[in-house]
């Protein structure tokens, strides 16, 4: 895997209904609307946003992560109007040809297939263009929608990581889901 060659410029992906593109400062209001919803952040390692500036800082951090070649996070923009309705992306572990997958979607767009569509494109990009061997996602117990989405994409539940991460004021158990390149359809 040679991320430095593959990602000299931010990769844009397209699906039937979405354009996966780099988030820009002008997207802060859309990102804020998504992450200011307590239902969206309920199972997220981020606290619910209270101020627009939090979205701007998040966009800047994601741009820095890409510049440092440690990850890529796409804004999910509807093709019909360009509105950002969510994000998805990777944090890389280049030494192991692996990446952690994360995502969130605005509540008005839940259960319409948008995230499945976006993740299929991101997963294909990860295996075919980045040379990843393993993609994993960590899911809080009780987040049945996320677990079901990952399983529908071929991920396997590897088990519970007890008190694996500290956020939301305490140590959190997380289920580890993974998909290997040889399992990718």
C-alpha atoms as a PDB file:
ATOM      1  CA  UNK A   1       0.000   0.000   0.000  1.00  0.00           C
ATOM      2  CA  UNK A   2       1.450   3.339  -0.982  1.00  0.00           C
ATOM      3  CA  UNK A   3      -0.912   6.066   0.129  1.00  0.00           C
ATOM      4  CA  UNK A   4       1.492   8.869  -0.787  1.00  0.00           C
ATOM      5  CA  UNK A   5       1.220   8.032  -4.474  1.00  0.00           C
ATOM      6  CA  UNK A   6      -2.478   7.176  -4.499  1.00  0.00           C
ATOM      7  CA  UNK A   7      -3.676  10.249  -2.634  1.00  0.00           C
ATOM      8  CA  UNK A   8      -1.725  13.191  -4.028  1.00  0.00           C
ATOM      9  CA  UNK A   9      -5.059  14.884  -4.619  1.00  0.00           C
ATOM     10  CA  UNK A  10      -8.266  14.371  -2.702  1.00  0.00           C
ATOM     11  CA  UNK A  11     -10.145  11.450  -4.282  1.00  0.00           C
ATOM     12  CA  UNK A  12     -13.691  12.139  -5.389  1.00  0.00           C
ATOM     13  CA  UNK A  13     -16.132   9.246  -5.771  1.00  0.00           C
ATOM     14  CA  UNK A  14     -19.574   9.064  -7.334  1.00  0.00           C
ATOM     15  CA  UNK A  15     -22.554   6.828  -6.747  1.00  0.00           C
ATOM     16  CA  UNK A  16     -25.998   6.871  -8.278  1.00  0.00           C
ATOM     17  CA  UNK A  17     -27.253   9.636  -5.959  1.00  0.00           C
ATOM     18  CA  UNK A  18     -24.146  10.999  -4.243  1.00  0.00           C
ATOM     19  CA  UNK A  19     -20.876  12.749  -4.886  1.00  0.00           C
ATOM     20  CA  UNK A  20     -18.286  11.903  -2.243  1.00  0.00           C
ATOM     21  CA  UNK A  21     -16.035  14.938  -2.049  1.00  0.00           C
ATOM     22  CA  UNK A  22     -13.749  16.865   0.269  1.00  0.00           C
ATOM     23  CA  UNK A  23     -15.546  18.974   2.842  1.00  0.00           C
ATOM     24  CA  UNK A  24     -14.992  22.714   2.470  1.00  0.00           C
ATOM     25  CA  UNK A  25     -15.361  25.512   5.043  1.00  0.00           C
ATOM     26  CA  UNK A  26     -18.650  26.444   3.336  1.00  0.00           C
ATOM     27  CA  UNK A  27     -20.030  23.034   4.398  1.00  0.00           C
ATOM     28  CA  UNK A  28     -19.828  23.940   8.098  1.00  0.00           C
ATOM     29  CA  UNK A  29     -23.542  24.768   8.386  1.00  0.00           C
ATOM     30  CA  UNK A  30     -24.550  21.427   6.852  1.00  0.00           C
ATOM     31  CA  UNK A  31     -22.112  19.499   9.074  1.00  0.00           C
ATOM     32  CA  UNK A  32     -23.378  21.417  12.092  1.00  0.00           C
ATOM     33  CA  UNK A  33     -27.019  20.531  11.282  1.00  0.00           C
ATOM     34  CA  UNK A  34     -26.062  16.848  11.183  1.00  0.00           C
ATOM     35  CA  UNK A  35     -23.943  16.763  14.354  1.00  0.00           C
ATOM     36  CA  UNK A  36     -26.166  19.101  16.381  1.00  0.00           C
ATOM     37  CA  UNK A  37     -28.803  16.337  16.370  1.00  0.00           C
ATOM     38  CA  UNK A  38     -28.514  14.274  19.572  1.00  0.00           C
ATOM     39  CA  UNK A  39     -30.011  11.251  17.796  1.00  0.00           C
ATOM     40  CA  UNK A  40     -27.198  11.344  15.211  1.00  0.00           C
ATOM     41  CA  UNK A  41     -24.493  11.608  17.883  1.00  0.00           C
ATOM     42  CA  UNK A  42     -26.120   9.143  20.285  1.00  0.00           C
ATOM     43  CA  UNK A  43     -23.748   6.326  19.223  1.00  0.00           C
ATOM     44  CA  UNK A  44     -20.924   8.587  18.029  1.00  0.00           C
ATOM     45  CA  UNK A  45     -17.632   9.324  19.777  1.00  0.00           C
ATOM     46  CA  UNK A  46     -18.347  13.037  19.274  1.00  0.00           C
ATOM     47  CA  UNK A  47     -20.544  14.986  21.647  1.00  0.00           C
ATOM     48  CA  UNK A  48     -23.551  16.719  20.130  1.00  0.00           C
ATOM     49  CA  UNK A  49     -22.422  19.996  18.581  1.00  0.00           C
ATOM     50  CA  UNK A  50     -23.623  23.180  20.243  1.00  0.00           C
ATOM     51  CA  UNK A  51     -21.869  25.823  18.105  1.00  0.00           C
ATOM     52  CA  UNK A  52     -21.249  26.267  14.378  1.00  0.00           C
ATOM     53  CA  UNK A  53     -17.527  26.757  15.046  1.00  0.00           C
ATOM     54  CA  UNK A  54     -17.279  23.101  16.125  1.00  0.00           C
ATOM     55  CA  UNK A  55     -18.178  22.043  12.590  1.00  0.00           C
ATOM     56  CA  UNK A  56     -15.563  24.375  11.115  1.00  0.00           C
ATOM     57  CA  UNK A  57     -12.891  22.936  13.404  1.00  0.00           C
ATOM     58  CA  UNK A  58     -13.920  19.384  12.501  1.00  0.00           C
ATOM     59  CA  UNK A  59     -13.646  20.147   8.779  1.00  0.00           C
ATOM     60  CA  UNK A  60     -10.187  21.659   9.343  1.00  0.00           C
ATOM     61  CA  UNK A  61      -9.054  18.578  11.346  1.00  0.00           C
ATOM     62  CA  UNK A  62     -10.230  16.280   8.577  1.00  0.00           C
ATOM     63  CA  UNK A  63      -8.365  18.355   5.976  1.00  0.00           C
ATOM     64  CA  UNK A  64      -5.216  18.165   8.149  1.00  0.00           C
ATOM     65  CA  UNK A  65      -5.619  14.397   8.464  1.00  0.00           C
ATOM     66  CA  UNK A  66      -5.679  14.124   4.675  1.00  0.00           C
ATOM     67  CA  UNK A  67      -2.673  16.435   4.291  1.00  0.00           C
ATOM     68  CA  UNK A  68      -0.753  14.226   6.745  1.00  0.00           C
ATOM     69  CA  UNK A  69      -1.879  11.099   4.858  1.00  0.00           C
ATOM     70  CA  UNK A  70      -3.391   9.622   8.006  1.00  0.00           C
ATOM     71  CA  UNK A  71      -6.967   9.494   6.717  1.00  0.00           C
ATOM     72  CA  UNK A  72      -9.613  10.632   4.295  1.00  0.00           C
ATOM     73  CA  UNK A  73     -13.153  11.813   5.107  1.00  0.00           C
ATOM     74  CA  UNK A  74     -15.667  12.460   2.367  1.00  0.00           C
ATOM     75  CA  UNK A  75     -18.657  14.760   2.526  1.00  0.00           C
ATOM     76  CA  UNK A  76     -21.707  12.988   1.094  1.00  0.00           C
ATOM     77  CA  UNK A  77     -23.259  15.547  -1.240  1.00  0.00           C
ATOM     78  CA  UNK A  78     -26.535  14.828  -3.001  1.00  0.00           C
ATOM     79  CA  UNK A  79     -26.133  15.103  -6.755  1.00  0.00           C
ATOM     80  CA  UNK A  80     -29.512  16.791  -7.082  1.00  0.00           C
ATOM     81  CA  UNK A  81     -28.602  19.898  -5.082  1.00  0.00           C
ATOM     82  CA  UNK A  82     -25.063  19.501  -3.684  1.00  0.00           C
ATOM     83  CA  UNK A  83     -26.276  19.491  -0.068  1.00  0.00           C
ATOM     84  CA  UNK A  84     -23.990  17.587   2.323  1.00  0.00           C
ATOM     85  CA  UNK A  85     -26.119  15.021   4.178  1.00  0.00           C
ATOM     86  CA  UNK A  86     -23.379  13.088   5.987  1.00  0.00           C
ATOM     87  CA  UNK A  87     -19.764  11.994   5.929  1.00  0.00           C
ATOM     88  CA  UNK A  88     -17.772   8.789   5.765  1.00  0.00           C
ATOM     89  CA  UNK A  89     -14.121   7.935   5.646  1.00  0.00           C
ATOM     90  CA  UNK A  90     -11.028   6.198   6.909  1.00  0.00           C
ATOM     91  CA  UNK A  91      -8.275   6.558   9.445  1.00  0.00           C
ATOM     92  CA  UNK A  92      -5.310   4.652   8.003  1.00  0.00           C
ATOM     93  CA  UNK A  93      -3.006   2.104   9.591  1.00  0.00           C
ATOM     94  CA  UNK A  94      -0.604   1.933   6.657  1.00  0.00           C
ATOM     95  CA  UNK A  95       1.837  -0.451   8.355  1.00  0.00           C
ATOM     96  CA  UNK A  96      -0.890  -3.092   8.433  1.00  0.00           C
ATOM     97  CA  UNK A  97      -2.694  -2.226   5.154  1.00  0.00           C
ATOM     98  CA  UNK A  98      -5.760  -1.528   7.268  1.00  0.00           C
ATOM     99  CA  UNK A  99      -8.148   1.315   7.984  1.00  0.00           C
ATOM    100  CA  UNK A 100     -10.837   2.230  10.476  1.00  0.00           C
ATOM    101  CA  UNK A 101     -14.138   3.218   8.883  1.00  0.00           C
ATOM    102  CA  UNK A 102     -16.402   5.901  10.322  1.00  0.00           C
ATOM    103  CA  UNK A 103     -19.603   7.553   9.151  1.00  0.00           C
ATOM    104  CA  UNK A 104     -22.660   9.591  10.099  1.00  0.00           C
ATOM    105  CA  UNK A 105     -25.785  10.641   8.266  1.00  0.00           C
ATOM    106  CA  UNK A 106     -28.336  13.374   8.911  1.00  0.00           C
ATOM    107  CA  UNK A 107     -31.509  11.954  10.413  1.00  0.00           C
ATOM    108  CA  UNK A 108     -33.836  13.077   7.559  1.00  0.00           C
ATOM    109  CA  UNK A 109     -31.854  10.706   5.286  1.00  0.00           C
ATOM    110  CA  UNK A 110     -31.882   7.583   7.454  1.00  0.00           C
ATOM    111  CA  UNK A 111     -33.215   4.309   6.023  1.00  0.00           C
ATOM    112  CA  UNK A 112     -33.103   5.482   2.403  1.00  0.00           C
ATOM    113  CA  UNK A 113     -29.966   3.583   1.368  1.00  0.00           C
ATOM    114  CA  UNK A 114     -27.695   6.636   1.207  1.00  0.00           C
ATOM    115  CA  UNK A 115     -25.067   5.341   3.629  1.00  0.00           C
ATOM    116  CA  UNK A 116     -25.018   1.874   2.096  1.00  0.00           C
ATOM    117  CA  UNK A 117     -24.465   3.497  -1.300  1.00  0.00           C
ATOM    118  CA  UNK A 118     -21.658   5.710   0.014  1.00  0.00           C
ATOM    119  CA  UNK A 119     -19.916   2.944   1.964  1.00  0.00           C
ATOM    120  CA  UNK A 120     -19.958   0.584  -1.009  1.00  0.00           C
ATOM    121  CA  UNK A 121     -18.028   3.196  -3.000  1.00  0.00           C
ATOM    122  CA  UNK A 122     -15.632   3.915  -0.106  1.00  0.00           C
ATOM    123  CA  UNK A 123     -14.984   0.205   0.501  1.00  0.00           C
ATOM    124  CA  UNK A 124     -14.328  -0.447  -3.187  1.00  0.00           C
ATOM    125  CA  UNK A 125     -11.920   2.504  -3.226  1.00  0.00           C
ATOM    126  CA  UNK A 126     -10.153   1.186  -0.129  1.00  0.00           C
ATOM    127  CA  UNK A 127      -9.585  -2.298  -1.476  1.00  0.00           C
ATOM    128  CA  UNK A 128      -9.047  -1.539  -5.167  1.00  0.00           C
ATOM    129  CA  UNK A 129      -7.197   1.794  -5.128  1.00  0.00           C
ATOM    130  CA  UNK A 130      -5.558   2.004  -1.704  1.00  0.00           C
ATOM    131  CA  UNK A 131      -4.569  -1.635  -1.473  1.00  0.00           C
ATOM    132  CA  UNK A 132      -6.166  -2.146   1.932  1.00  0.00           C
ATOM    133  CA  UNK A 133      -6.379  -5.709   3.208  1.00  0.00           C
ATOM    134  CA  UNK A 134      -8.682  -4.987   6.161  1.00  0.00           C
ATOM    135  CA  UNK A 135     -11.366  -2.420   6.937  1.00  0.00           C
ATOM    136  CA  UNK A 136     -12.853  -2.292  10.410  1.00  0.00           C
ATOM    137  CA  UNK A 137     -15.579  -0.304  12.112  1.00  0.00           C
ATOM    138  CA  UNK A 138     -16.267   0.048  15.824  1.00  0.00           C
ATOM    139  CA  UNK A 139     -19.916   0.160  16.887  1.00  0.00           C
ATOM    140  CA  UNK A 140     -21.433   0.859  20.282  1.00  0.00           C
ATOM    141  CA  UNK A 141     -23.699  -1.874  21.679  1.00  0.00           C
ATOM    142  CA  UNK A 142     -27.288  -0.945  20.964  1.00  0.00           C
ATOM    143  CA  UNK A 143     -26.534   0.677  17.616  1.00  0.00           C
ATOM    144  CA  UNK A 144     -28.485  -1.959  15.720  1.00  0.00           C
ATOM    145  CA  UNK A 145     -28.854   0.165  12.584  1.00  0.00           C
ATOM    146  CA  UNK A 146     -25.085   0.537  12.174  1.00  0.00           C
ATOM    147  CA  UNK A 147     -24.425  -3.125  12.971  1.00  0.00           C
ATOM    148  CA  UNK A 148     -27.060  -4.179  10.444  1.00  0.00           C
ATOM    149  CA  UNK A 149     -25.652  -1.855   7.787  1.00  0.00           C
ATOM    150  CA  UNK A 150     -22.151  -3.256   8.205  1.00  0.00           C
ATOM    151  CA  UNK A 151     -23.387  -6.851   8.133  1.00  0.00           C
ATOM    152  CA  UNK A 152     -25.368  -6.126   4.947  1.00  0.00           C
ATOM    153  CA  UNK A 153     -22.075  -4.981   3.390  1.00  0.00           C
ATOM    154  CA  UNK A 154     -20.342  -8.243   4.338  1.00  0.00           C
ATOM    155  CA  UNK A 155     -18.649  -7.184   7.587  1.00  0.00           C
ATOM    156  CA  UNK A 156     -18.320  -9.763  10.331  1.00  0.00           C
ATOM    157  CA  UNK A 157     -18.781  -9.052  14.026  1.00  0.00           C
ATOM    158  CA  UNK A 158     -15.468 -10.057  15.595  1.00  0.00           C
ATOM    159  CA  UNK A 159     -16.700  -9.516  19.121  1.00  0.00           C
ATOM    160  CA  UNK A 160     -16.901  -7.022  21.919  1.00  0.00           C
ATOM    161  CA  UNK A 161     -13.931  -4.860  22.868  1.00  0.00           C
ATOM    162  CA  UNK A 162     -14.606  -4.203  26.552  1.00  0.00           C
ATOM    163  CA  UNK A 163     -14.114  -0.602  27.723  1.00  0.00           C
ATOM    164  CA  UNK A 164     -12.108   0.009  24.562  1.00  0.00           C
ATOM    165  CA  UNK A 165     -12.498   3.775  24.246  1.00  0.00           C
ATOM    166  CA  UNK A 166     -13.177   6.756  26.487  1.00  0.00           C
ATOM    167  CA  UNK A 167     -15.853   9.178  25.306  1.00  0.00           C
ATOM    168  CA  UNK A 168     -19.254  10.449  26.422  1.00  0.00           C
ATOM    169  CA  UNK A 169     -17.846  10.715  29.944  1.00  0.00           C
ATOM    170  CA  UNK A 170     -16.818   7.089  30.386  1.00  0.00           C
ATOM    171  CA  UNK A 171     -15.194   3.975  29.012  1.00  0.00           C
ATOM    172  CA  UNK A 172     -17.250   2.441  26.233  1.00  0.00           C
ATOM    173  CA  UNK A 173     -17.593  -1.133  25.024  1.00  0.00           C
ATOM    174  CA  UNK A 174     -17.405  -1.391  21.235  1.00  0.00           C
ATOM    175  CA  UNK A 175     -18.190  -4.186  18.804  1.00  0.00           C
ATOM    176  CA  UNK A 176     -15.483  -4.647  16.191  1.00  0.00           C
ATOM    177  CA  UNK A 177     -16.743  -5.379  12.677  1.00  0.00           C
ATOM    178  CA  UNK A 178     -14.308  -6.172   9.883  1.00  0.00           C
ATOM    179  CA  UNK A 179     -14.198  -6.903   6.179  1.00  0.00           C
ATOM    180  CA  UNK A 180     -11.164  -8.439   4.480  1.00  0.00           C
ATOM    181  CA  UNK A 181     -10.194  -7.834   0.881  1.00  0.00           C
ATOM    182  CA  UNK A 182     -10.608 -11.557   0.051  1.00  0.00           C
ATOM    183  CA  UNK A 183     -14.213 -11.359   1.365  1.00  0.00           C
ATOM    184  CA  UNK A 184     -15.145  -8.279  -0.650  1.00  0.00           C
ATOM    185  CA  UNK A 185     -17.764  -9.008  -3.300  1.00  0.00           C
END
